């Protein structure tokens, strides 16, 4: 049975205070595969993301992403969910997914695989907690897109195999950090994001376009 959306008038949250406004994704198992410890750590991770002044984004799903959203809302954060469904009705009736602890839901209509792609592409960094095959799918997308990745170890599931997968793939682990403590993990990922921000050295408004120049020569042109 679908869970009813909480009435914000009856559930007191702290007011969201934006600071860095990175979109930090939490990916993980939608069911309990590792015991309560994974859920507890996911909740704490969500709280820390919110307290850092950033936005938590997830797959509008149950399990560890749900607990992370719960933690973020209890800490006064903002949470955005990307649903595999095309409508609210489909989200609840077909996919049996929750509506709780989400400030906004984007109904992608692309099922799980398409949602996973949009979710990781929409994020500035991705955290992984526990997880199964869908979590692995999101990890490989984030890895190929060179997103900063935080692995919350000690939560079971696929995250405990990721270091071995990286070793077998021989692709390196740049921008990937591991930690069993949610607070330290968030700090490590934010450090990577801030370092990457410093690579944007120059903004030029020639010809009505904004040119962002990377020290290594890569250039992104953003229309005004």
N, C-alpha and C. Protein backbone atom coordinates (compact mmCIF):
# COMPACT_ATOMS: atom_id res chain seq x y z
N UNK A 1 0.85 -1.19 0.00
CA UNK A 1 0.00 0.00 0.00
C UNK A 1 0.89 1.24 0.00
N UNK A 2 0.53 2.22 -0.83
CA UNK A 2 1.34 3.43 -0.98
C UNK A 2 1.33 4.24 0.31
N UNK A 3 2.45 4.84 0.58
CA UNK A 3 2.58 5.68 1.76
C UNK A 3 2.08 7.08 1.45
N UNK A 4 1.28 7.64 2.32
CA UNK A 4 0.75 8.98 2.11
C UNK A 4 1.85 10.03 2.30
N UNK A 5 1.74 11.10 1.51
CA UNK A 5 2.68 12.20 1.66
C UNK A 5 2.45 12.89 3.00
N UNK A 6 3.52 13.19 3.69
CA UNK A 6 3.39 13.86 4.98
C UNK A 6 2.93 15.31 4.79
N UNK A 7 2.01 15.74 5.62
CA UNK A 7 1.57 17.13 5.62
C UNK A 7 2.62 17.96 6.34
N UNK A 8 3.28 18.91 5.63
CA UNK A 8 4.35 19.68 6.26
C UNK A 8 3.87 20.48 7.46
N UNK A 9 2.57 20.72 7.55
CA UNK A 9 2.05 21.46 8.70
C UNK A 9 2.06 20.61 9.96
N UNK A 10 2.07 19.28 9.76
CA UNK A 10 2.06 18.37 10.90
C UNK A 10 3.42 17.75 11.19
N UNK A 11 4.40 18.06 10.34
CA UNK A 11 5.74 17.49 10.52
C UNK A 11 6.73 18.63 10.47
N UNK A 12 7.27 18.99 11.58
CA UNK A 12 8.13 20.15 11.68
C UNK A 12 9.55 19.82 11.22
N UNK A 13 9.99 20.52 10.16
CA UNK A 13 11.35 20.40 9.67
C UNK A 13 12.06 21.73 9.91
N UNK A 14 13.35 21.66 10.04
CA UNK A 14 14.13 22.89 10.09
C UNK A 14 14.11 23.54 8.71
N UNK A 15 14.23 24.85 8.69
CA UNK A 15 14.20 25.57 7.43
C UNK A 15 15.48 25.31 6.65
N UNK A 16 15.34 25.07 5.33
CA UNK A 16 16.49 24.80 4.47
C UNK A 16 17.29 26.08 4.27
N UNK A 17 18.59 26.00 4.55
CA UNK A 17 19.49 27.13 4.39
C UNK A 17 20.52 26.80 3.31
N UNK A 18 20.30 27.25 2.06
CA UNK A 18 21.21 26.90 0.98
C UNK A 18 22.59 27.51 1.15
N UNK A 19 23.63 26.75 0.83
CA UNK A 19 25.00 27.25 0.88
C UNK A 19 25.70 26.94 -0.44
N UNK A 20 26.24 25.72 -0.55
CA UNK A 20 26.95 25.37 -1.77
C UNK A 20 26.01 25.02 -2.91
N UNK A 21 24.87 24.46 -2.58
CA UNK A 21 23.87 24.05 -3.55
C UNK A 21 24.41 23.08 -4.60
N UNK A 22 25.23 22.15 -4.18
CA UNK A 22 25.52 21.01 -5.03
C UNK A 22 24.34 20.05 -4.95
N UNK A 23 24.10 19.33 -6.02
CA UNK A 23 23.08 18.28 -6.02
C UNK A 23 23.78 16.96 -5.74
N UNK A 24 23.57 16.42 -4.55
CA UNK A 24 24.27 15.23 -4.11
C UNK A 24 23.32 14.05 -4.12
N UNK A 25 23.59 13.09 -4.97
CA UNK A 25 22.72 11.92 -5.14
C UNK A 25 23.08 10.83 -4.13
N UNK A 26 22.06 10.19 -3.60
CA UNK A 26 22.27 9.00 -2.77
C UNK A 26 21.63 7.82 -3.49
N UNK A 27 22.45 6.85 -3.83
CA UNK A 27 22.01 5.64 -4.53
C UNK A 27 22.22 4.44 -3.62
N UNK A 28 21.31 3.48 -3.70
CA UNK A 28 21.47 2.29 -2.87
C UNK A 28 20.31 1.34 -3.03
N UNK A 29 20.34 0.28 -2.25
CA UNK A 29 19.31 -0.76 -2.34
C UNK A 29 17.95 -0.22 -1.95
N UNK A 30 16.95 -0.57 -2.74
CA UNK A 30 15.58 -0.15 -2.46
C UNK A 30 14.89 -1.06 -1.45
N UNK A 31 15.57 -2.12 -1.06
CA UNK A 31 15.04 -3.04 -0.04
C UNK A 31 16.14 -3.30 0.98
N UNK A 32 15.75 -3.88 2.10
CA UNK A 32 16.71 -4.18 3.16
C UNK A 32 17.46 -5.46 2.82
N UNK A 33 18.73 -5.32 2.43
CA UNK A 33 19.54 -6.50 2.12
C UNK A 33 20.72 -6.64 3.07
N UNK A 34 20.93 -5.63 3.91
CA UNK A 34 22.13 -5.62 4.74
C UNK A 34 21.84 -5.41 6.22
N UNK A 35 20.57 -5.42 6.60
CA UNK A 35 20.25 -5.18 8.00
C UNK A 35 20.09 -3.70 8.30
N UNK A 36 19.74 -3.36 9.53
CA UNK A 36 19.43 -1.97 9.89
C UNK A 36 20.60 -1.01 9.81
N UNK A 37 21.83 -1.51 9.88
CA UNK A 37 22.98 -0.62 9.89
C UNK A 37 23.05 0.24 8.63
N UNK A 38 22.71 -0.35 7.47
CA UNK A 38 22.74 0.40 6.22
C UNK A 38 21.73 1.54 6.25
N UNK A 39 20.54 1.28 6.79
CA UNK A 39 19.51 2.30 6.88
C UNK A 39 19.92 3.42 7.85
N UNK A 40 20.53 3.03 8.95
CA UNK A 40 20.97 4.02 9.94
C UNK A 40 22.03 4.94 9.33
N UNK A 41 22.98 4.35 8.61
CA UNK A 41 24.04 5.16 8.00
C UNK A 41 23.49 6.02 6.86
N UNK A 42 22.50 5.49 6.12
CA UNK A 42 21.89 6.28 5.05
C UNK A 42 21.18 7.50 5.63
N UNK A 43 20.47 7.29 6.73
CA UNK A 43 19.78 8.40 7.40
C UNK A 43 20.78 9.46 7.85
N UNK A 44 21.88 9.02 8.44
CA UNK A 44 22.91 9.95 8.89
C UNK A 44 23.53 10.69 7.71
N UNK A 45 23.75 9.96 6.61
CA UNK A 45 24.30 10.58 5.40
C UNK A 45 23.39 11.70 4.91
N UNK A 46 22.08 11.43 4.89
CA UNK A 46 21.13 12.44 4.46
C UNK A 46 21.16 13.67 5.35
N UNK A 47 21.27 13.45 6.65
CA UNK A 47 21.35 14.57 7.59
C UNK A 47 22.57 15.44 7.32
N UNK A 48 23.70 14.79 7.09
CA UNK A 48 24.95 15.53 6.89
C UNK A 48 24.91 16.31 5.58
N UNK A 49 24.33 15.71 4.54
CA UNK A 49 24.18 16.43 3.26
C UNK A 49 23.34 17.68 3.46
N UNK A 50 22.24 17.54 4.19
CA UNK A 50 21.37 18.69 4.44
C UNK A 50 22.09 19.76 5.25
N UNK A 51 22.80 19.35 6.27
CA UNK A 51 23.50 20.31 7.13
C UNK A 51 24.64 21.01 6.40
N UNK A 52 25.12 20.40 5.32
CA UNK A 52 26.17 21.04 4.53
C UNK A 52 25.61 22.12 3.61
N UNK A 53 24.28 22.26 3.59
CA UNK A 53 23.64 23.29 2.78
C UNK A 53 23.45 22.92 1.33
N UNK A 54 23.53 21.62 1.03
CA UNK A 54 23.37 21.15 -0.34
C UNK A 54 22.06 20.40 -0.51
N UNK A 55 21.73 20.07 -1.76
CA UNK A 55 20.47 19.42 -2.09
C UNK A 55 20.69 17.93 -2.25
N UNK A 56 19.84 17.14 -1.63
CA UNK A 56 19.90 15.69 -1.81
C UNK A 56 18.98 15.31 -2.97
N UNK A 57 19.46 14.48 -3.85
CA UNK A 57 18.68 14.00 -4.98
C UNK A 57 18.72 12.48 -4.96
N UNK A 58 17.58 11.84 -5.23
CA UNK A 58 17.55 10.37 -5.25
C UNK A 58 16.56 9.87 -6.28
N UNK A 59 16.38 8.56 -6.32
CA UNK A 59 15.51 7.94 -7.32
C UNK A 59 14.06 7.86 -6.90
N UNK A 60 13.65 8.67 -5.95
CA UNK A 60 12.25 8.68 -5.47
C UNK A 60 11.80 7.28 -5.12
N UNK A 61 12.65 6.58 -4.39
CA UNK A 61 12.41 5.17 -4.15
C UNK A 61 12.47 4.85 -2.66
N UNK A 62 12.37 3.58 -2.36
CA UNK A 62 12.38 3.10 -0.98
C UNK A 62 13.81 2.72 -0.56
N UNK A 63 13.94 2.07 0.59
CA UNK A 63 15.23 1.56 1.03
C UNK A 63 16.19 2.63 1.51
N UNK A 64 17.48 2.46 1.17
CA UNK A 64 18.49 3.40 1.65
C UNK A 64 18.32 4.81 1.09
N UNK A 65 17.93 5.00 -0.19
CA UNK A 65 17.69 6.37 -0.65
C UNK A 65 16.55 7.04 0.11
N UNK A 66 15.54 6.26 0.47
CA UNK A 66 14.41 6.77 1.25
C UNK A 66 14.88 7.22 2.63
N UNK A 67 15.71 6.41 3.27
CA UNK A 67 16.20 6.77 4.60
C UNK A 67 17.10 8.00 4.54
N UNK A 68 17.87 8.13 3.46
CA UNK A 68 18.71 9.32 3.30
C UNK A 68 17.84 10.57 3.16
N UNK A 69 16.76 10.44 2.39
CA UNK A 69 15.83 11.56 2.24
C UNK A 69 15.18 11.91 3.57
N UNK A 70 14.82 10.89 4.34
CA UNK A 70 14.24 11.07 5.66
C UNK A 70 15.20 11.88 6.54
N UNK A 71 16.46 11.47 6.55
CA UNK A 71 17.45 12.18 7.34
C UNK A 71 17.63 13.62 6.89
N UNK A 72 17.64 13.83 5.57
CA UNK A 72 17.82 15.19 5.04
C UNK A 72 16.66 16.09 5.45
N UNK A 73 15.44 15.59 5.35
CA UNK A 73 14.29 16.41 5.72
C UNK A 73 14.27 16.71 7.21
N UNK A 74 14.63 15.73 8.02
CA UNK A 74 14.66 15.96 9.47
C UNK A 74 15.71 17.00 9.86
N UNK A 75 16.71 17.17 8.99
CA UNK A 75 17.77 18.15 9.25
C UNK A 75 17.52 19.47 8.53
N UNK A 76 16.33 19.62 7.93
CA UNK A 76 15.98 20.87 7.28
C UNK A 76 16.46 21.00 5.85
N UNK A 77 16.76 19.88 5.20
CA UNK A 77 17.28 19.91 3.84
C UNK A 77 16.21 19.88 2.77
N UNK A 78 16.65 20.02 1.54
CA UNK A 78 15.77 19.92 0.38
C UNK A 78 16.08 18.62 -0.35
N UNK A 79 15.02 17.92 -0.79
CA UNK A 79 15.18 16.63 -1.46
C UNK A 79 14.40 16.63 -2.77
N UNK A 80 15.06 16.22 -3.84
CA UNK A 80 14.44 16.09 -5.15
C UNK A 80 14.51 14.62 -5.57
N UNK A 81 13.40 14.08 -6.02
CA UNK A 81 13.36 12.69 -6.46
C UNK A 81 13.08 12.58 -7.95
N UNK A 82 13.79 11.68 -8.62
CA UNK A 82 13.52 11.37 -10.02
C UNK A 82 12.88 10.00 -10.09
N UNK A 83 11.64 9.96 -10.54
CA UNK A 83 10.86 8.73 -10.56
C UNK A 83 10.97 8.03 -11.91
N UNK A 84 10.93 6.70 -11.92
CA UNK A 84 10.88 5.98 -13.20
C UNK A 84 9.52 6.10 -13.87
N UNK A 85 8.53 6.53 -13.13
CA UNK A 85 7.16 6.61 -13.63
C UNK A 85 6.93 7.88 -14.45
N UNK A 86 5.84 7.89 -15.20
CA UNK A 86 5.50 9.06 -16.00
C UNK A 86 4.49 9.97 -15.29
N UNK A 87 3.80 9.43 -14.28
CA UNK A 87 2.82 10.21 -13.53
C UNK A 87 2.86 9.81 -12.06
N UNK A 88 2.23 10.62 -11.24
CA UNK A 88 2.14 10.30 -9.82
C UNK A 88 1.37 9.00 -9.62
N UNK A 89 0.30 8.81 -10.37
CA UNK A 89 -0.50 7.59 -10.26
C UNK A 89 0.33 6.36 -10.57
N UNK A 90 1.11 6.43 -11.65
CA UNK A 90 1.96 5.30 -12.03
C UNK A 90 3.05 5.07 -10.98
N UNK A 91 3.57 6.15 -10.45
CA UNK A 91 4.61 6.07 -9.41
C UNK A 91 4.12 5.26 -8.22
N UNK A 92 2.89 5.52 -7.81
CA UNK A 92 2.33 4.86 -6.63
C UNK A 92 1.76 3.49 -6.95
N UNK A 93 0.95 3.40 -8.00
CA UNK A 93 0.21 2.16 -8.28
C UNK A 93 1.02 1.10 -9.02
N UNK A 94 1.82 1.52 -9.98
CA UNK A 94 2.60 0.54 -10.76
C UNK A 94 3.93 0.22 -10.10
N UNK A 95 4.66 1.25 -9.73
CA UNK A 95 6.01 1.04 -9.18
C UNK A 95 6.02 0.87 -7.66
N UNK A 96 4.89 1.17 -7.02
CA UNK A 96 4.78 1.01 -5.56
C UNK A 96 5.86 1.81 -4.82
N UNK A 97 6.09 3.03 -5.26
CA UNK A 97 7.14 3.86 -4.68
C UNK A 97 6.54 4.93 -3.77
N UNK A 98 7.32 5.39 -2.80
CA UNK A 98 6.81 6.34 -1.81
C UNK A 98 6.82 7.78 -2.31
N UNK A 99 6.07 8.61 -1.60
CA UNK A 99 6.04 10.04 -1.86
C UNK A 99 6.63 10.84 -0.70
N UNK A 100 6.94 10.16 0.37
CA UNK A 100 7.43 10.82 1.59
C UNK A 100 8.80 11.46 1.39
N UNK A 101 9.02 12.53 2.14
CA UNK A 101 10.33 13.18 2.27
C UNK A 101 10.88 13.71 0.95
N UNK A 102 10.00 14.06 0.03
CA UNK A 102 10.42 14.59 -1.26
C UNK A 102 9.77 15.96 -1.47
N UNK A 103 10.58 16.99 -1.67
CA UNK A 103 10.04 18.32 -1.94
C UNK A 103 9.52 18.42 -3.36
N UNK A 104 10.21 17.79 -4.28
CA UNK A 104 9.82 17.77 -5.68
C UNK A 104 10.04 16.37 -6.24
N UNK A 105 9.15 15.94 -7.11
CA UNK A 105 9.34 14.68 -7.82
C UNK A 105 9.27 14.96 -9.32
N UNK A 106 10.28 14.53 -10.04
CA UNK A 106 10.29 14.63 -11.50
C UNK A 106 9.91 13.27 -12.04
N UNK A 107 8.78 13.20 -12.74
CA UNK A 107 8.31 11.93 -13.30
C UNK A 107 8.90 11.77 -14.69
N UNK A 108 9.96 10.98 -14.79
CA UNK A 108 10.73 10.88 -16.03
C UNK A 108 10.02 10.08 -17.11
N UNK A 109 9.28 9.04 -16.71
CA UNK A 109 8.61 8.18 -17.69
C UNK A 109 9.55 7.26 -18.44
N UNK A 110 10.79 7.09 -17.95
CA UNK A 110 11.79 6.30 -18.66
C UNK A 110 12.12 4.98 -17.99
N UNK A 111 11.26 4.52 -17.09
CA UNK A 111 11.48 3.27 -16.36
C UNK A 111 12.78 3.38 -15.55
N UNK A 112 13.22 2.26 -15.00
CA UNK A 112 14.36 2.32 -14.08
C UNK A 112 15.68 2.65 -14.79
N UNK A 113 15.91 2.03 -15.94
CA UNK A 113 17.20 2.25 -16.60
C UNK A 113 17.36 3.70 -17.06
N UNK A 114 16.29 4.26 -17.65
CA UNK A 114 16.35 5.65 -18.07
C UNK A 114 16.42 6.60 -16.90
N UNK A 115 15.67 6.29 -15.85
CA UNK A 115 15.72 7.10 -14.63
C UNK A 115 17.13 7.12 -14.05
N UNK A 116 17.79 5.96 -14.04
CA UNK A 116 19.15 5.89 -13.49
C UNK A 116 20.11 6.82 -14.22
N UNK A 117 19.98 6.86 -15.54
CA UNK A 117 20.84 7.72 -16.35
C UNK A 117 20.58 9.19 -16.03
N UNK A 118 19.31 9.57 -16.03
CA UNK A 118 18.97 10.96 -15.74
C UNK A 118 19.37 11.36 -14.33
N UNK A 119 19.21 10.44 -13.40
CA UNK A 119 19.54 10.72 -12.00
C UNK A 119 21.02 11.04 -11.83
N UNK A 120 21.87 10.19 -12.36
CA UNK A 120 23.30 10.42 -12.21
C UNK A 120 23.76 11.64 -13.01
N UNK A 121 23.20 11.83 -14.20
CA UNK A 121 23.58 12.98 -15.01
C UNK A 121 23.15 14.30 -14.36
N UNK A 122 22.08 14.25 -13.58
CA UNK A 122 21.56 15.46 -12.92
C UNK A 122 22.31 15.79 -11.64
N UNK A 123 23.20 14.92 -11.21
CA UNK A 123 23.87 15.06 -9.93
C UNK A 123 25.29 15.61 -10.11
N UNK A 124 25.73 16.36 -9.11
CA UNK A 124 27.12 16.83 -9.11
C UNK A 124 28.06 15.78 -8.54
N UNK A 125 27.54 14.93 -7.68
CA UNK A 125 28.30 13.82 -7.10
C UNK A 125 27.31 12.76 -6.67
N UNK A 126 27.80 11.52 -6.54
CA UNK A 126 26.91 10.41 -6.19
C UNK A 126 27.50 9.62 -5.03
N UNK A 127 26.66 9.37 -4.03
CA UNK A 127 27.02 8.53 -2.89
C UNK A 127 26.34 7.17 -3.04
N UNK A 128 27.07 6.11 -2.68
CA UNK A 128 26.54 4.76 -2.79
C UNK A 128 26.51 4.09 -1.43
N UNK A 129 25.32 3.55 -1.10
CA UNK A 129 25.08 2.90 0.19
C UNK A 129 24.46 1.54 -0.09
N UNK A 130 25.12 0.46 0.34
CA UNK A 130 24.60 -0.90 0.11
C UNK A 130 24.38 -1.08 -1.40
N UNK A 131 23.26 -1.65 -1.81
CA UNK A 131 22.94 -1.69 -3.23
C UNK A 131 22.98 -3.06 -3.87
N UNK A 132 22.28 -3.11 -5.02
CA UNK A 132 22.23 -4.33 -5.83
C UNK A 132 22.56 -3.95 -7.27
N UNK A 133 21.92 -4.60 -8.24
CA UNK A 133 22.29 -4.41 -9.64
C UNK A 133 21.97 -3.00 -10.13
N UNK A 134 20.83 -2.42 -9.68
CA UNK A 134 20.50 -1.07 -10.08
C UNK A 134 21.51 -0.05 -9.58
N UNK A 135 22.01 -0.28 -8.37
CA UNK A 135 23.04 0.58 -7.80
C UNK A 135 24.33 0.47 -8.60
N UNK A 136 24.66 -0.75 -9.02
CA UNK A 136 25.84 -0.95 -9.85
C UNK A 136 25.69 -0.22 -11.18
N UNK A 137 24.48 -0.25 -11.75
CA UNK A 137 24.20 0.47 -12.98
C UNK A 137 24.47 1.97 -12.81
N UNK A 138 23.98 2.53 -11.72
CA UNK A 138 24.20 3.95 -11.47
C UNK A 138 25.68 4.24 -11.21
N UNK A 139 26.37 3.32 -10.58
CA UNK A 139 27.80 3.50 -10.34
C UNK A 139 28.57 3.57 -11.65
N UNK A 140 28.30 2.65 -12.58
CA UNK A 140 29.04 2.64 -13.84
C UNK A 140 28.75 3.90 -14.66
N UNK A 141 27.51 4.38 -14.61
CA UNK A 141 27.19 5.63 -15.31
C UNK A 141 27.97 6.79 -14.70
N UNK A 142 27.93 6.89 -13.38
CA UNK A 142 28.64 7.97 -12.70
C UNK A 142 30.14 7.88 -12.95
N UNK A 143 30.67 6.66 -12.97
CA UNK A 143 32.10 6.46 -13.21
C UNK A 143 32.48 6.93 -14.61
N UNK A 144 31.71 6.51 -15.62
CA UNK A 144 32.01 6.90 -17.00
C UNK A 144 31.86 8.41 -17.20
N UNK A 145 30.96 9.03 -16.45
CA UNK A 145 30.77 10.48 -16.54
C UNK A 145 31.76 11.26 -15.68
N UNK A 146 32.66 10.52 -15.01
CA UNK A 146 33.70 11.14 -14.17
C UNK A 146 33.12 12.00 -13.04
N UNK A 147 32.01 11.55 -12.50
CA UNK A 147 31.41 12.23 -11.36
C UNK A 147 32.21 11.91 -10.09
N UNK A 148 32.33 12.84 -9.17
CA UNK A 148 32.86 12.49 -7.86
C UNK A 148 31.95 11.45 -7.21
N UNK A 149 32.55 10.41 -6.63
CA UNK A 149 31.79 9.29 -6.08
C UNK A 149 32.24 9.04 -4.65
N UNK A 150 31.26 8.89 -3.76
CA UNK A 150 31.53 8.53 -2.38
C UNK A 150 30.94 7.18 -2.05
N UNK A 151 31.77 6.24 -1.60
CA UNK A 151 31.33 4.89 -1.27
C UNK A 151 31.26 4.76 0.24
N UNK A 152 30.04 4.53 0.76
CA UNK A 152 29.86 4.37 2.20
C UNK A 152 30.04 2.90 2.55
N UNK A 153 31.24 2.55 2.97
CA UNK A 153 31.57 1.16 3.26
C UNK A 153 30.94 0.71 4.57
N UNK A 154 30.89 -0.61 4.74
CA UNK A 154 30.29 -1.17 5.93
C UNK A 154 28.78 -1.23 5.88
N UNK A 155 28.21 -1.01 4.67
CA UNK A 155 26.76 -1.03 4.52
C UNK A 155 26.28 -2.24 3.73
N UNK A 156 27.21 -3.13 3.37
CA UNK A 156 26.83 -4.36 2.68
C UNK A 156 26.51 -4.15 1.21
N UNK A 157 26.02 -5.22 0.59
CA UNK A 157 25.61 -5.13 -0.80
C UNK A 157 26.75 -4.89 -1.76
N UNK A 158 26.42 -4.30 -2.89
CA UNK A 158 27.37 -4.15 -3.99
C UNK A 158 28.52 -3.20 -3.64
N UNK A 159 28.31 -2.28 -2.70
CA UNK A 159 29.39 -1.33 -2.40
C UNK A 159 30.62 -2.02 -1.84
N UNK A 160 30.43 -3.18 -1.23
CA UNK A 160 31.58 -3.89 -0.67
C UNK A 160 32.42 -4.57 -1.75
N UNK A 161 31.90 -4.58 -2.98
CA UNK A 161 32.63 -5.21 -4.09
C UNK A 161 33.23 -4.19 -5.05
N UNK A 162 32.94 -2.92 -4.86
CA UNK A 162 33.33 -1.92 -5.86
C UNK A 162 34.83 -1.74 -5.97
N UNK A 163 35.55 -1.85 -4.86
CA UNK A 163 37.01 -1.70 -4.96
C UNK A 163 37.61 -2.82 -5.80
N UNK A 164 37.05 -4.04 -5.67
CA UNK A 164 37.54 -5.16 -6.48
C UNK A 164 37.16 -4.99 -7.94
N UNK A 165 35.95 -4.50 -8.19
CA UNK A 165 35.51 -4.24 -9.56
C UNK A 165 36.43 -3.22 -10.22
N UNK A 166 36.79 -2.18 -9.50
CA UNK A 166 37.69 -1.16 -10.04
C UNK A 166 39.07 -1.74 -10.33
N UNK A 167 39.53 -2.63 -9.46
CA UNK A 167 40.84 -3.26 -9.66
C UNK A 167 40.83 -4.14 -10.90
N UNK A 168 39.75 -4.89 -11.09
CA UNK A 168 39.64 -5.76 -12.26
C UNK A 168 39.56 -4.93 -13.54
N UNK A 169 38.82 -3.83 -13.48
CA UNK A 169 38.62 -2.99 -14.67
C UNK A 169 39.89 -2.25 -15.07
N UNK A 170 40.79 -2.03 -14.11
CA UNK A 170 42.04 -1.32 -14.36
C UNK A 170 41.81 0.06 -14.99
N UNK A 171 40.81 0.75 -14.45
CA UNK A 171 40.48 2.08 -14.97
C UNK A 171 40.84 3.18 -13.98
N UNK A 172 41.44 2.80 -12.87
CA UNK A 172 41.78 3.81 -11.87
C UNK A 172 40.58 4.17 -11.02
N UNK A 173 40.83 4.97 -9.99
CA UNK A 173 39.75 5.35 -9.09
C UNK A 173 39.80 6.84 -8.76
N UNK A 174 40.16 7.64 -9.75
CA UNK A 174 40.20 9.08 -9.56
C UNK A 174 38.80 9.59 -9.25
N UNK A 175 38.69 10.50 -8.32
CA UNK A 175 37.41 11.09 -7.90
C UNK A 175 36.52 10.12 -7.15
N UNK A 176 37.06 8.98 -6.71
CA UNK A 176 36.29 8.02 -5.92
C UNK A 176 36.91 7.93 -4.53
N UNK A 177 36.09 8.10 -3.52
CA UNK A 177 36.57 8.03 -2.14
C UNK A 177 35.73 7.02 -1.36
N UNK A 178 36.37 6.38 -0.40
CA UNK A 178 35.72 5.37 0.43
C UNK A 178 35.80 5.80 1.89
N UNK A 179 34.75 5.55 2.65
CA UNK A 179 34.80 5.78 4.09
C UNK A 179 33.59 5.11 4.73
N UNK A 180 33.77 4.64 5.95
CA UNK A 180 32.67 4.03 6.69
C UNK A 180 31.89 5.05 7.51
N UNK A 181 32.43 6.27 7.60
CA UNK A 181 31.79 7.32 8.38
C UNK A 181 31.12 8.32 7.45
N UNK A 182 29.80 8.51 7.53
CA UNK A 182 29.10 9.42 6.62
C UNK A 182 29.64 10.85 6.64
N UNK A 183 29.98 11.35 7.82
CA UNK A 183 30.46 12.73 7.92
C UNK A 183 31.79 12.91 7.20
N UNK A 184 32.70 11.98 7.41
CA UNK A 184 34.00 12.07 6.72
C UNK A 184 33.82 11.90 5.22
N UNK A 185 32.90 11.01 4.82
CA UNK A 185 32.69 10.76 3.40
C UNK A 185 32.16 12.00 2.69
N UNK A 186 31.20 12.67 3.29
CA UNK A 186 30.66 13.90 2.69
C UNK A 186 31.76 14.95 2.58
N UNK A 187 32.58 15.08 3.61
CA UNK A 187 33.67 16.05 3.58
C UNK A 187 34.64 15.76 2.43
N UNK A 188 34.94 14.49 2.21
CA UNK A 188 35.86 14.10 1.14
C UNK A 188 35.28 14.44 -0.23
N UNK A 189 34.00 14.16 -0.43
CA UNK A 189 33.37 14.43 -1.72
C UNK A 189 33.26 15.93 -1.96
N UNK A 190 32.89 16.69 -0.95
CA UNK A 190 32.81 18.14 -1.10
C UNK A 190 34.18 18.74 -1.42
N UNK A 191 35.23 18.16 -0.87
CA UNK A 191 36.58 18.63 -1.17
C UNK A 191 36.89 18.45 -2.66
N UNK A 192 36.49 17.30 -3.21
CA UNK A 192 36.70 17.06 -4.65
C UNK A 192 35.91 18.06 -5.47
N UNK A 193 34.64 18.28 -5.11
CA UNK A 193 33.79 19.20 -5.86
C UNK A 193 34.37 20.62 -5.85
N UNK A 194 34.83 21.06 -4.70
CA UNK A 194 35.39 22.41 -4.60
C UNK A 194 36.70 22.53 -5.37
N UNK A 195 37.47 21.46 -5.36
CA UNK A 195 38.71 21.46 -6.14
C UNK A 195 38.41 21.54 -7.62
N UNK A 196 37.39 20.79 -8.07
CA UNK A 196 37.00 20.83 -9.47
C UNK A 196 36.48 22.21 -9.86
N UNK A 197 35.78 22.87 -8.93
CA UNK A 197 35.28 24.22 -9.21
C UNK A 197 36.42 25.19 -9.49
N UNK A 198 37.55 24.99 -8.84
CA UNK A 198 38.69 25.89 -9.01
C UNK A 198 39.32 25.74 -10.39
N UNK A 199 38.99 24.65 -11.10
CA UNK A 199 39.52 24.46 -12.45
C UNK A 199 38.88 25.42 -13.44
N UNK A 200 37.74 25.99 -13.05
CA UNK A 200 37.10 26.99 -13.90
C UNK A 200 37.83 28.31 -13.66
N UNK A 201 38.79 28.60 -14.53
CA UNK A 201 39.71 29.70 -14.29
C UNK A 201 39.23 31.05 -14.83
N UNK A 202 38.45 31.01 -15.88
CA UNK A 202 38.17 32.28 -16.54
C UNK A 202 36.77 32.26 -17.12
N UNK A 203 36.07 33.39 -16.98
CA UNK A 203 34.77 33.55 -17.62
C UNK A 203 34.88 34.73 -18.57
N UNK A 204 34.58 34.47 -19.84
CA UNK A 204 34.73 35.49 -20.88
C UNK A 204 33.37 35.69 -21.55
N UNK A 205 32.97 36.94 -21.73
CA UNK A 205 31.66 37.23 -22.29
C UNK A 205 31.75 37.69 -23.75
N UNK A 206 32.75 37.27 -24.45
CA UNK A 206 32.89 37.63 -25.85
C UNK A 206 31.74 37.05 -26.67
N UNK A 207 31.28 37.82 -27.62
CA UNK A 207 30.26 37.38 -28.58
C UNK A 207 28.97 36.91 -27.91
N UNK A 208 28.69 37.42 -26.72
CA UNK A 208 27.44 37.06 -26.06
C UNK A 208 27.41 35.66 -25.51
N UNK A 209 28.58 35.00 -25.49
CA UNK A 209 28.66 33.65 -24.95
C UNK A 209 29.58 33.65 -23.75
N UNK A 210 29.33 32.75 -22.85
CA UNK A 210 30.15 32.61 -21.66
C UNK A 210 31.10 31.44 -21.89
N UNK A 211 32.39 31.71 -21.91
CA UNK A 211 33.39 30.68 -22.17
C UNK A 211 34.03 30.28 -20.85
N UNK A 212 33.94 29.02 -20.52
CA UNK A 212 34.58 28.53 -19.30
C UNK A 212 35.82 27.75 -19.72
N UNK A 213 36.97 28.25 -19.33
CA UNK A 213 38.22 27.68 -19.79
C UNK A 213 38.85 26.81 -18.72
N UNK A 214 39.19 25.61 -19.10
CA UNK A 214 39.83 24.64 -18.21
C UNK A 214 41.34 24.76 -18.41
N UNK A 215 42.14 24.62 -17.36
CA UNK A 215 43.59 24.74 -17.50
C UNK A 215 44.20 23.80 -18.52
N UNK A 216 43.55 22.66 -18.74
CA UNK A 216 44.09 21.69 -19.68
C UNK A 216 43.62 21.95 -21.11
N UNK A 217 42.79 22.98 -21.29
CA UNK A 217 42.39 23.34 -22.63
C UNK A 217 40.96 23.02 -22.98
N UNK A 218 40.27 22.20 -22.19
CA UNK A 218 38.88 21.89 -22.48
C UNK A 218 38.04 23.14 -22.29
N UNK A 219 37.04 23.32 -23.14
CA UNK A 219 36.24 24.54 -23.10
C UNK A 219 34.77 24.20 -23.19
N UNK A 220 33.98 24.81 -22.32
CA UNK A 220 32.53 24.67 -22.36
C UNK A 220 31.94 26.02 -22.70
N UNK A 221 31.05 26.07 -23.68
CA UNK A 221 30.41 27.32 -24.07
C UNK A 221 28.95 27.24 -23.68
N UNK A 222 28.53 28.17 -22.85
CA UNK A 222 27.16 28.17 -22.34
C UNK A 222 26.43 29.38 -22.91
N UNK A 223 25.37 29.20 -23.73
CA UNK A 223 24.64 30.35 -24.28
C UNK A 223 24.04 31.20 -23.17
N UNK A 224 24.03 32.50 -23.38
CA UNK A 224 23.40 33.42 -22.40
C UNK A 224 21.89 33.30 -22.50
